[in-house]
Amino acid sequence: MTNHNPIFNPYTTGCYVLSCSNQKWYVGSTTHLSRRLNEHFFGYGHGGSKTYCGWTKLHPPKHIFYIWKTQFINHQANQTHVFTRKCSMERVFTYMCFEMFGIPNVRGHAYTTVDKDYRSSDILIKQLSDDKFISQCMIALDFIVDKGMDLEDIEKIPLCEYNITGYFDQCLKLYNKFLDTQFTNPL
């Protein structure tokens, strides 16, 4: 099948979560998953130059925890707006990791400074609580636009009942059912 979208290569574009040493986590996104993951693990980029990011240099990756193929990799690469904000799945996965592993143990999205304590960031705290609906809407958008689910199915999941991670889990359960019907009832 030919991909007619010149800005999206479905085989290499996505977000990733790395489990690193010292019980630390790193979230990133790229248009070249294999190349970027190799850079994190081995530190070499184009031309043999070192291209570690500061967090994975300090806390070397142990393994790939999660990969999510999506066209909505970061807010610079896509111009998708939710409630007038540019959003991305990199942001969503970073926030989910903050929820699961704790703010001091995670770097990703706009929170990549190695030696900064983001627990005192009023903006981040607001985005994880009051502003969680923006991330949840980005999740819904990804499942509808990128994964082909119906809006009516996604609308059945109440936003207010879940944190960001819980909402993603509910969408993923629904997506698995959606895939089951696609494979058992092909066109």
C-alpha atoms as a PDB file:
ATOM      1  CA  MET A   1       0.000   0.000   0.000  1.00  0.00           C
ATOM      2  CA  THR A   2       1.320   3.445  -0.908  1.00  0.00           C
ATOM      3  CA  ASN A   3       1.483   6.125   1.756  1.00  0.00           C
ATOM      4  CA  HIS A   4       0.203   9.354   0.155  1.00  0.00           C
ATOM      5  CA  ASN A   5       0.941  11.495   3.204  1.00  0.00           C
ATOM      6  CA  PRO A   6       4.464  12.883   2.676  1.00  0.00           C
ATOM      7  CA  ILE A   7       4.915  14.055   6.280  1.00  0.00           C
ATOM      8  CA  PHE A   8       4.013  10.770   7.954  1.00  0.00           C
ATOM      9  CA  ASN A   9       5.890   7.506   7.675  1.00  0.00           C
ATOM     10  CA  PRO A  10       3.838   4.965   9.670  1.00  0.00           C
ATOM     11  CA  TYR A  11       6.765   2.600  10.041  1.00  0.00           C
ATOM     12  CA  THR A  12       9.103   4.914  11.933  1.00  0.00           C
ATOM     13  CA  THR A  13       7.188   7.825  13.465  1.00  0.00           C
ATOM     14  CA  GLY A  14       6.174   7.697  17.098  1.00  0.00           C
ATOM     15  CA  CYS A  15       6.698   8.267  20.796  1.00  0.00           C
ATOM     16  CA  TYR A  16       8.686   6.085  23.121  1.00  0.00           C
ATOM     17  CA  VAL A  17       9.288   5.547  26.829  1.00  0.00           C
ATOM     18  CA  LEU A  18      12.682   4.303  28.003  1.00  0.00           C
ATOM     19  CA  SER A  19      13.264   2.591  31.316  1.00  0.00           C
ATOM     20  CA  CYS A  20      16.595   3.929  32.516  1.00  0.00           C
ATOM     21  CA  SER A  21      19.033   3.118  35.300  1.00  0.00           C
ATOM     22  CA  ASN A  22      18.379   4.454  38.806  1.00  0.00           C
ATOM     23  CA  GLN A  23      14.612   3.919  38.336  1.00  0.00           C
ATOM     24  CA  LYS A  24      14.398   6.872  35.943  1.00  0.00           C
ATOM     25  CA  TRP A  25      12.321   7.228  32.777  1.00  0.00           C
ATOM     26  CA  TYR A  26      12.690   9.149  29.558  1.00  0.00           C
ATOM     27  CA  VAL A  27       9.947  10.031  27.048  1.00  0.00           C
ATOM     28  CA  GLY A  28      10.709  11.159  23.530  1.00  0.00           C
ATOM     29  CA  SER A  29       9.331  11.301  20.020  1.00  0.00           C
ATOM     30  CA  THR A  30      10.864  11.144  16.588  1.00  0.00           C
ATOM     31  CA  THR A  31      10.240  10.618  12.914  1.00  0.00           C
ATOM     32  CA  HIS A  32      12.969   7.933  12.936  1.00  0.00           C
ATOM     33  CA  LEU A  33      12.374   5.574  15.852  1.00  0.00           C
ATOM     34  CA  SER A  34      15.154   3.083  15.177  1.00  0.00           C
ATOM     35  CA  ARG A  35      17.798   5.784  14.655  1.00  0.00           C
ATOM     36  CA  ARG A  36      16.775   7.810  17.712  1.00  0.00           C
ATOM     37  CA  LEU A  37      16.572   4.794  20.015  1.00  0.00           C
ATOM     38  CA  ASN A  38      20.034   3.721  18.836  1.00  0.00           C
ATOM     39  CA  GLU A  39      21.314   7.195  19.721  1.00  0.00           C
ATOM     40  CA  HIS A  40      19.858   6.930  23.235  1.00  0.00           C
ATOM     41  CA  PHE A  41      21.333   3.489  23.854  1.00  0.00           C
ATOM     42  CA  PHE A  42      24.710   3.914  22.158  1.00  0.00           C
ATOM     43  CA  GLY A  43      25.158   7.678  21.936  1.00  0.00           C
ATOM     44  CA  TYR A  44      26.068   7.915  18.303  1.00  0.00           C
ATOM     45  CA  GLY A  45      24.289   9.908  15.659  1.00  0.00           C
ATOM     46  CA  HIS A  46      25.073  10.900  12.095  1.00  0.00           C
ATOM     47  CA  GLY A  47      28.769  10.979  11.297  1.00  0.00           C
ATOM     48  CA  GLY A  48      29.739   9.186  14.512  1.00  0.00           C
ATOM     49  CA  SER A  49      29.213  12.210  16.778  1.00  0.00           C
ATOM     50  CA  LYS A  50      27.884  11.714  20.310  1.00  0.00           C
ATOM     51  CA  THR A  51      24.188  12.573  20.544  1.00  0.00           C
ATOM     52  CA  TYR A  52      23.073  11.405  23.979  1.00  0.00           C
ATOM     53  CA  CYS A  53      20.464  13.565  25.621  1.00  0.00           C
ATOM     54  CA  GLY A  54      21.510  14.745  29.076  1.00  0.00           C
ATOM     55  CA  TRP A  55      19.020  12.521  30.956  1.00  0.00           C
ATOM     56  CA  THR A  56      19.928   9.288  29.182  1.00  0.00           C
ATOM     57  CA  LYS A  57      23.624  10.088  29.493  1.00  0.00           C
ATOM     58  CA  LEU A  58      23.222  10.458  33.265  1.00  0.00           C
ATOM     59  CA  HIS A  59      20.758   7.529  33.529  1.00  0.00           C
ATOM     60  CA  PRO A  60      21.578   5.096  30.696  1.00  0.00           C
ATOM     61  CA  PRO A  61      18.560   3.307  29.201  1.00  0.00           C
ATOM     62  CA  LYS A  62      18.072  -0.303  30.264  1.00  0.00           C
ATOM     63  CA  HIS A  63      15.266  -1.176  27.859  1.00  0.00           C
ATOM     64  CA  ILE A  64      12.448   0.186  25.741  1.00  0.00           C
ATOM     65  CA  PHE A  65       9.373   0.273  27.957  1.00  0.00           C
ATOM     66  CA  TYR A  66       6.822   1.402  25.372  1.00  0.00           C
ATOM     67  CA  ILE A  67       6.527   2.515  21.745  1.00  0.00           C
ATOM     68  CA  TRP A  68       3.419   4.190  20.347  1.00  0.00           C
ATOM     69  CA  LYS A  69       3.261   4.762  16.604  1.00  0.00           C
ATOM     70  CA  THR A  70       1.523   8.053  15.896  1.00  0.00           C
ATOM     71  CA  GLN A  71       1.679  11.020  13.571  1.00  0.00           C
ATOM     72  CA  PHE A  72       1.129  13.371  16.530  1.00  0.00           C
ATOM     73  CA  ILE A  73       4.686  13.089  17.811  1.00  0.00           C
ATOM     74  CA  ASN A  74       5.369  16.569  19.157  1.00  0.00           C
ATOM     75  CA  HIS A  75       3.893  20.032  19.052  1.00  0.00           C
ATOM     76  CA  GLN A  76       6.480  21.309  16.566  1.00  0.00           C
ATOM     77  CA  ALA A  77       5.829  18.478  14.095  1.00  0.00           C
ATOM     78  CA  ASN A  78       2.063  18.793  14.106  1.00  0.00           C
ATOM     79  CA  GLN A  79      -0.117  21.824  14.254  1.00  0.00           C
ATOM     80  CA  THR A  80      -3.054  20.069  15.895  1.00  0.00           C
ATOM     81  CA  HIS A  81      -4.685  22.295  18.467  1.00  0.00           C
ATOM     82  CA  VAL A  82      -6.908  21.224  21.336  1.00  0.00           C
ATOM     83  CA  PHE A  83      -8.569  24.161  23.109  1.00  0.00           C
ATOM     84  CA  THR A  84      -6.205  26.580  21.270  1.00  0.00           C
ATOM     85  CA  ARG A  85      -3.073  24.735  22.470  1.00  0.00           C
ATOM     86  CA  LYS A  86      -0.680  22.749  20.331  1.00  0.00           C
ATOM     87  CA  CYS A  87      -0.669  19.212  21.727  1.00  0.00           C
ATOM     88  CA  SER A  88       1.240  16.035  21.169  1.00  0.00           C
ATOM     89  CA  MET A  89       1.376  12.426  22.229  1.00  0.00           C
ATOM     90  CA  GLU A  90       4.898  13.053  23.567  1.00  0.00           C
ATOM     91  CA  ARG A  91       3.314  15.446  26.059  1.00  0.00           C
ATOM     92  CA  VAL A  92       0.634  12.880  26.905  1.00  0.00           C
ATOM     93  CA  PHE A  93       3.126  10.064  27.520  1.00  0.00           C
ATOM     94  CA  THR A  94       5.355  12.361  29.598  1.00  0.00           C
ATOM     95  CA  TYR A  95       2.389  13.278  31.803  1.00  0.00           C
ATOM     96  CA  MET A  96       1.350   9.631  32.126  1.00  0.00           C
ATOM     97  CA  CYS A  97       4.890   8.791  33.252  1.00  0.00           C
ATOM     98  CA  PHE A  98       4.776  11.656  35.773  1.00  0.00           C
ATOM     99  CA  GLU A  99       1.569  10.102  37.147  1.00  0.00           C
ATOM    100  CA  MET A 100       2.977   6.568  37.272  1.00  0.00           C
ATOM    101  CA  PHE A 101       6.625   7.082  38.271  1.00  0.00           C
ATOM    102  CA  GLY A 102       6.730  10.494  39.949  1.00  0.00           C
ATOM    103  CA  ILE A 103       7.798  13.877  38.605  1.00  0.00           C
ATOM    104  CA  PRO A 104      11.446  13.690  39.814  1.00  0.00           C
ATOM    105  CA  ASN A 105      11.988  10.371  37.999  1.00  0.00           C
ATOM    106  CA  VAL A 106      10.846  11.398  34.509  1.00  0.00           C
ATOM    107  CA  ARG A 107      12.065  13.672  31.742  1.00  0.00           C
ATOM    108  CA  GLY A 108      10.328  14.353  28.447  1.00  0.00           C
ATOM    109  CA  HIS A 109       8.311  16.844  26.397  1.00  0.00           C
ATOM    110  CA  ALA A 110       9.077  20.365  27.716  1.00  0.00           C
ATOM    111  CA  TYR A 111      10.533  18.985  30.955  1.00  0.00           C
ATOM    112  CA  THR A 112      14.026  17.872  29.973  1.00  0.00           C
ATOM    113  CA  THR A 113      16.414  19.920  32.092  1.00  0.00           C
ATOM    114  CA  VAL A 114      18.412  17.294  33.961  1.00  0.00           C
ATOM    115  CA  ASP A 115      19.006  19.072  37.269  1.00  0.00           C
ATOM    116  CA  LYS A 116      15.691  20.929  37.629  1.00  0.00           C
ATOM    117  CA  ASP A 117      13.100  19.920  40.231  1.00  0.00           C
ATOM    118  CA  TYR A 118       9.815  20.160  38.348  1.00  0.00           C
ATOM    119  CA  ARG A 119       7.728  19.321  41.427  1.00  0.00           C
ATOM    120  CA  SER A 120       7.577  23.063  42.152  1.00  0.00           C
ATOM    121  CA  SER A 121       6.343  23.936  38.649  1.00  0.00           C
ATOM    122  CA  ASP A 122       2.872  25.466  39.058  1.00  0.00           C
ATOM    123  CA  ILE A 123       2.263  25.059  35.327  1.00  0.00           C
ATOM    124  CA  LEU A 124       3.022  21.325  35.412  1.00  0.00           C
ATOM    125  CA  ILE A 125       0.900  20.726  38.515  1.00  0.00           C
ATOM    126  CA  LYS A 126      -2.012  22.545  36.838  1.00  0.00           C
ATOM    127  CA  GLN A 127      -1.594  20.551  33.636  1.00  0.00           C
ATOM    128  CA  LEU A 128      -1.634  17.259  35.548  1.00  0.00           C
ATOM    129  CA  SER A 129      -4.795  18.137  37.462  1.00  0.00           C
ATOM    130  CA  ASP A 130      -7.098  20.929  36.262  1.00  0.00           C
ATOM    131  CA  ASP A 131      -5.782  20.834  32.709  1.00  0.00           C
ATOM    132  CA  LYS A 132      -5.828  17.041  32.259  1.00  0.00           C
ATOM    133  CA  PHE A 133      -8.705  17.298  29.782  1.00  0.00           C
ATOM    134  CA  ILE A 134      -6.383  18.734  27.122  1.00  0.00           C
ATOM    135  CA  SER A 135      -4.210  15.604  27.327  1.00  0.00           C
ATOM    136  CA  GLN A 136      -7.279  13.383  27.336  1.00  0.00           C
ATOM    137  CA  CYS A 137      -8.592  15.129  24.218  1.00  0.00           C
ATOM    138  CA  MET A 138      -5.226  14.583  22.529  1.00  0.00           C
ATOM    139  CA  ILE A 139      -5.524  10.873  23.350  1.00  0.00           C
ATOM    140  CA  ALA A 140      -9.039  10.786  21.880  1.00  0.00           C
ATOM    141  CA  LEU A 141      -7.826  12.627  18.769  1.00  0.00           C
ATOM    142  CA  ASP A 142      -5.010  10.121  18.287  1.00  0.00           C
ATOM    143  CA  PHE A 143      -7.369   7.138  18.555  1.00  0.00           C
ATOM    144  CA  ILE A 144      -9.877   8.722  16.156  1.00  0.00           C
ATOM    145  CA  VAL A 145      -7.602  10.281  13.521  1.00  0.00           C
ATOM    146  CA  ASP A 146      -4.530   8.053  13.679  1.00  0.00           C
ATOM    147  CA  LYS A 147      -6.070   4.719  14.686  1.00  0.00           C
ATOM    148  CA  GLY A 148      -9.409   5.003  12.823  1.00  0.00           C
ATOM    149  CA  MET A 149     -11.836   4.643  15.728  1.00  0.00           C
ATOM    150  CA  ASP A 150     -15.307   6.194  15.695  1.00  0.00           C
ATOM    151  CA  LEU A 151     -15.946   9.387  17.628  1.00  0.00           C
ATOM    152  CA  GLU A 152     -19.151   7.861  19.022  1.00  0.00           C
ATOM    153  CA  ASP A 153     -17.167   5.040  20.657  1.00  0.00           C
ATOM    154  CA  ILE A 154     -14.581   7.362  22.198  1.00  0.00           C
ATOM    155  CA  GLU A 155     -17.306   9.710  23.500  1.00  0.00           C
ATOM    156  CA  LYS A 156     -18.586   6.884  25.727  1.00  0.00           C
ATOM    157  CA  ILE A 157     -15.504   7.174  27.946  1.00  0.00           C
ATOM    158  CA  PRO A 158     -16.142   9.915  30.533  1.00  0.00           C
ATOM    159  CA  LEU A 159     -13.226  12.327  30.815  1.00  0.00           C
ATOM    160  CA  CYS A 160     -13.904  13.365  34.392  1.00  0.00           C
ATOM    161  CA  GLU A 161     -13.698   9.845  35.852  1.00  0.00           C
ATOM    162  CA  TYR A 162     -10.041   9.202  34.985  1.00  0.00           C
ATOM    163  CA  ASN A 163      -6.590  10.691  35.284  1.00  0.00           C
ATOM    164  CA  ILE A 164      -4.606  10.869  32.035  1.00  0.00           C
ATOM    165  CA  THR A 165      -3.221   7.332  32.375  1.00  0.00           C
ATOM    166  CA  GLY A 166      -6.610   5.848  33.270  1.00  0.00           C
ATOM    167  CA  TYR A 167      -8.233   7.539  30.278  1.00  0.00           C
ATOM    168  CA  PHE A 168      -5.552   6.187  27.931  1.00  0.00           C
ATOM    169  CA  ASP A 169      -6.071   2.683  29.377  1.00  0.00           C
ATOM    170  CA  GLN A 170      -9.820   2.905  28.744  1.00  0.00           C
ATOM    171  CA  CYS A 171      -9.239   4.062  25.153  1.00  0.00           C
ATOM    172  CA  LEU A 172      -6.738   1.256  24.636  1.00  0.00           C
ATOM    173  CA  LYS A 173      -9.234  -1.352  25.862  1.00  0.00           C
ATOM    174  CA  LEU A 174     -11.808   0.043  23.456  1.00  0.00           C
ATOM    175  CA  TYR A 175      -9.233   0.084  20.663  1.00  0.00           C
ATOM    176  CA  ASN A 176      -8.394  -3.592  21.254  1.00  0.00           C
ATOM    177  CA  LYS A 177     -12.101  -4.441  20.906  1.00  0.00           C
ATOM    178  CA  PHE A 178     -12.201  -2.306  17.755  1.00  0.00           C
ATOM    179  CA  LEU A 179      -9.237  -4.263  16.329  1.00  0.00           C
ATOM    180  CA  ASP A 180     -10.878  -7.581  17.220  1.00  0.00           C
ATOM    181  CA  THR A 181     -13.946  -6.626  15.180  1.00  0.00           C
ATOM    182  CA  GLN A 182     -11.762  -5.459  12.276  1.00  0.00           C
ATOM    183  CA  PHE A 183      -9.989  -8.834  12.111  1.00  0.00           C
ATOM    184  CA  THR A 184     -13.081 -10.980  12.666  1.00  0.00           C
ATOM    185  CA  ASN A 185     -15.247  -8.966  10.264  1.00  0.00           C
ATOM    186  CA  PRO A 186     -12.978  -7.895   7.399  1.00  0.00           C
ATOM    187  CA  LEU A 187     -14.480  -5.814   4.617  1.00  0.00           C
END
